[in-house]
Amino acid sequence: MFGHGKPSGIVRMKLSMTTLEDIREDGKVGFRVVWLGKGYPSWALRTERVHEIYQRQGEEGTVYDVFETFSGPVAWAVRVFVGGALVRRFGQWNGELRGFVEGKGEGRG
């Protein structure tokens, strides 16, 4: 996504959701969603994206963690050529999600 929920055209990656589960561990209460990247030969590149949305027991507010793991012989190229962009994009994603949830996003009061 880039900006207001419109595709950016920068990266088109097919994802397959493999896990949707409750989190009730280490003082966290919430949800975890895991996606596996598709579209690349598994011998060359394997990707896993994890989203966790949870509250820490005894604290106010919600935590949103997202991280992606790359493995395979092409993983080094991903880090070198687009690693910085991925970090920025995840930051942007977090900010836009927060704005939407807090009512500051497009289409919200």
C-alpha atoms as a PDB file:
ATOM      1  CA  MET A   1       0.000   0.000   0.000  1.00  0.00           C
ATOM      2  CA  PHE A   2       1.171   3.500  -0.595  1.00  0.00           C
ATOM      3  CA  GLY A   3      -0.744   6.308   0.954  1.00  0.00           C
ATOM      4  CA  HIS A   4      -4.479   5.951   1.030  1.00  0.00           C
ATOM      5  CA  GLY A   5      -4.938   2.223   0.557  1.00  0.00           C
ATOM      6  CA  LYS A   6      -4.009   2.280  -3.110  1.00  0.00           C
ATOM      7  CA  PRO A   7      -1.491  -0.195  -4.558  1.00  0.00           C
ATOM      8  CA  SER A   8       1.922   1.369  -5.083  1.00  0.00           C
ATOM      9  CA  GLY A   9       3.138  -0.837  -7.899  1.00  0.00           C
ATOM     10  CA  ILE A  10       6.536  -1.031  -6.194  1.00  0.00           C
ATOM     11  CA  VAL A  11       6.356  -4.679  -5.134  1.00  0.00           C
ATOM     12  CA  ARG A  12       3.707  -7.205  -5.985  1.00  0.00           C
ATOM     13  CA  MET A  13       4.024 -10.233  -3.754  1.00  0.00           C
ATOM     14  CA  LYS A  14       1.567 -13.059  -3.398  1.00  0.00           C
ATOM     15  CA  LEU A  15       0.948 -14.115   0.191  1.00  0.00           C
ATOM     16  CA  SER A  16      -0.721 -17.142   1.717  1.00  0.00           C
ATOM     17  CA  MET A  17      -2.053 -16.823   5.280  1.00  0.00           C
ATOM     18  CA  THR A  18      -0.937 -19.832   7.299  1.00  0.00           C
ATOM     19  CA  THR A  19      -1.732 -18.846  10.881  1.00  0.00           C
ATOM     20  CA  LEU A  20      -4.399 -16.843  12.673  1.00  0.00           C
ATOM     21  CA  GLU A  21      -4.209 -17.399  16.401  1.00  0.00           C
ATOM     22  CA  ASP A  22      -4.795 -15.892  19.793  1.00  0.00           C
ATOM     23  CA  ILE A  23      -1.748 -14.698  21.709  1.00  0.00           C
ATOM     24  CA  ARG A  24      -1.821 -15.411  25.429  1.00  0.00           C
ATOM     25  CA  GLU A  25       1.834 -15.608  26.390  1.00  0.00           C
ATOM     26  CA  ASP A  26       4.518 -13.534  28.120  1.00  0.00           C
ATOM     27  CA  GLY A  27       1.951 -11.049  29.404  1.00  0.00           C
ATOM     28  CA  LYS A  28       0.574 -10.458  25.882  1.00  0.00           C
ATOM     29  CA  VAL A  29      -3.107 -10.813  24.974  1.00  0.00           C
ATOM     30  CA  GLY A  30      -4.070 -10.395  21.321  1.00  0.00           C
ATOM     31  CA  PHE A  31      -3.728 -11.954  17.874  1.00  0.00           C
ATOM     32  CA  ARG A  32      -0.998 -13.200  15.540  1.00  0.00           C
ATOM     33  CA  VAL A  33      -1.287 -13.538  11.768  1.00  0.00           C
ATOM     34  CA  VAL A  34       1.428 -15.264   9.727  1.00  0.00           C
ATOM     35  CA  TRP A  35       1.784 -15.074   5.945  1.00  0.00           C
ATOM     36  CA  LEU A  36       4.120 -17.027   3.670  1.00  0.00           C
ATOM     37  CA  GLY A  37       5.350 -15.423   0.474  1.00  0.00           C
ATOM     38  CA  LYS A  38       4.439 -17.193  -2.765  1.00  0.00           C
ATOM     39  CA  GLY A  39       5.558 -16.610  -6.316  1.00  0.00           C
ATOM     40  CA  TYR A  40       9.260 -17.348  -5.942  1.00  0.00           C
ATOM     41  CA  PRO A  41      10.802 -20.822  -6.220  1.00  0.00           C
ATOM     42  CA  SER A  42      11.174 -22.078  -2.632  1.00  0.00           C
ATOM     43  CA  TRP A  43      14.761 -23.152  -3.325  1.00  0.00           C
ATOM     44  CA  ALA A  44      15.626 -19.517  -4.100  1.00  0.00           C
ATOM     45  CA  LEU A  45      13.653 -17.406  -1.616  1.00  0.00           C
ATOM     46  CA  ARG A  46      11.342 -18.149   1.288  1.00  0.00           C
ATOM     47  CA  THR A  47       9.579 -15.381   3.187  1.00  0.00           C
ATOM     48  CA  GLU A  48       7.441 -15.264   6.301  1.00  0.00           C
ATOM     49  CA  ARG A  49       5.633 -12.143   7.519  1.00  0.00           C
ATOM     50  CA  VAL A  50       4.292 -11.991  11.080  1.00  0.00           C
ATOM     51  CA  HIS A  51       1.819  -9.442  12.460  1.00  0.00           C
ATOM     52  CA  GLU A  52       1.070  -9.308  16.173  1.00  0.00           C
ATOM     53  CA  ILE A  53      -1.566  -7.007  17.644  1.00  0.00           C
ATOM     54  CA  TYR A  54      -1.778  -7.227  21.410  1.00  0.00           C
ATOM     55  CA  GLN A  55      -2.035  -5.539  24.776  1.00  0.00           C
ATOM     56  CA  ARG A  56       0.423  -6.064  27.567  1.00  0.00           C
ATOM     57  CA  GLN A  57      -1.366  -7.096  30.719  1.00  0.00           C
ATOM     58  CA  GLY A  58      -1.558  -4.236  33.201  1.00  0.00           C
ATOM     59  CA  GLU A  59      -0.744  -1.578  30.580  1.00  0.00           C
ATOM     60  CA  GLU A  60      -2.892   0.693  28.450  1.00  0.00           C
ATOM     61  CA  GLY A  61      -2.735   0.887  24.677  1.00  0.00           C
ATOM     62  CA  THR A  62      -2.196  -1.626  21.916  1.00  0.00           C
ATOM     63  CA  VAL A  63       1.095  -2.842  20.461  1.00  0.00           C
ATOM     64  CA  TYR A  64       1.451  -3.675  16.760  1.00  0.00           C
ATOM     65  CA  ASP A  65       4.570  -5.630  15.818  1.00  0.00           C
ATOM     66  CA  VAL A  66       5.383  -6.713  12.282  1.00  0.00           C
ATOM     67  CA  PHE A  67       8.471  -8.460  11.031  1.00  0.00           C
ATOM     68  CA  GLU A  68       9.497 -10.451   7.993  1.00  0.00           C
ATOM     69  CA  THR A  69      12.035 -13.231   7.693  1.00  0.00           C
ATOM     70  CA  PHE A  70      13.829 -14.087   4.447  1.00  0.00           C
ATOM     71  CA  SER A  71      15.806 -17.251   3.783  1.00  0.00           C
ATOM     72  CA  GLY A  72      17.354 -18.972   0.797  1.00  0.00           C
ATOM     73  CA  PRO A  73      20.236 -18.044  -1.494  1.00  0.00           C
ATOM     74  CA  VAL A  74      18.480 -14.922  -2.824  1.00  0.00           C
ATOM     75  CA  ALA A  75      17.748 -13.507   0.656  1.00  0.00           C
ATOM     76  CA  TRP A  76      21.017 -11.537   0.695  1.00  0.00           C
ATOM     77  CA  ALA A  77      19.938  -9.664  -2.453  1.00  0.00           C
ATOM     78  CA  VAL A  78      16.627  -8.702  -0.845  1.00  0.00           C
ATOM     79  CA  ARG A  79      18.490  -7.253   2.132  1.00  0.00           C
ATOM     80  CA  VAL A  80      21.049  -5.393   0.026  1.00  0.00           C
ATOM     81  CA  PHE A  81      18.733  -4.012  -2.651  1.00  0.00           C
ATOM     82  CA  VAL A  82      15.403  -3.437  -0.866  1.00  0.00           C
ATOM     83  CA  GLY A  83      16.065  -3.951   2.860  1.00  0.00           C
ATOM     84  CA  GLY A  84      16.018  -0.240   3.688  1.00  0.00           C
ATOM     85  CA  ALA A  85      12.861   0.304   1.655  1.00  0.00           C
ATOM     86  CA  LEU A  86      11.148  -2.570   3.475  1.00  0.00           C
ATOM     87  CA  VAL A  87      11.972  -1.052   6.858  1.00  0.00           C
ATOM     88  CA  ARG A  88      10.557   2.313   5.743  1.00  0.00           C
ATOM     89  CA  ARG A  89       7.452   0.693   4.252  1.00  0.00           C
ATOM     90  CA  PHE A  90       6.708  -1.261   7.438  1.00  0.00           C
ATOM     91  CA  GLY A  91       7.041   1.995   9.366  1.00  0.00           C
ATOM     92  CA  GLN A  92       4.642   3.675   6.949  1.00  0.00           C
ATOM     93  CA  TRP A  93       2.244   0.733   7.231  1.00  0.00           C
ATOM     94  CA  ASN A  94       2.295   1.005  11.031  1.00  0.00           C
ATOM     95  CA  GLY A  95       1.613   4.739  10.896  1.00  0.00           C
ATOM     96  CA  GLU A  96      -1.260   4.413   8.439  1.00  0.00           C
ATOM     97  CA  LEU A  97      -2.821   1.556  10.400  1.00  0.00           C
ATOM     98  CA  ARG A  98      -2.585   3.587  13.594  1.00  0.00           C
ATOM     99  CA  GLY A  99      -4.154   6.605  11.903  1.00  0.00           C
ATOM    100  CA  PHE A 100      -6.998   4.514  10.543  1.00  0.00           C
ATOM    101  CA  VAL A 101      -7.692   2.756  13.842  1.00  0.00           C
ATOM    102  CA  GLU A 102      -7.571   6.022  15.777  1.00  0.00           C
ATOM    103  CA  GLY A 103     -10.027   7.632  13.371  1.00  0.00           C
ATOM    104  CA  LYS A 104      -7.554   9.783  11.456  1.00  0.00           C
ATOM    105  CA  GLY A 105      -7.443   7.690   8.288  1.00  0.00           C
ATOM    106  CA  GLU A 106      -9.311   8.148   5.038  1.00  0.00           C
ATOM    107  CA  GLY A 107     -12.988   7.393   5.394  1.00  0.00           C
ATOM    108  CA  ARG A 108     -12.917   7.698   9.190  1.00  0.00           C
ATOM    109  CA  GLY A 109     -14.378  10.387  11.454  1.00  0.00           C
END
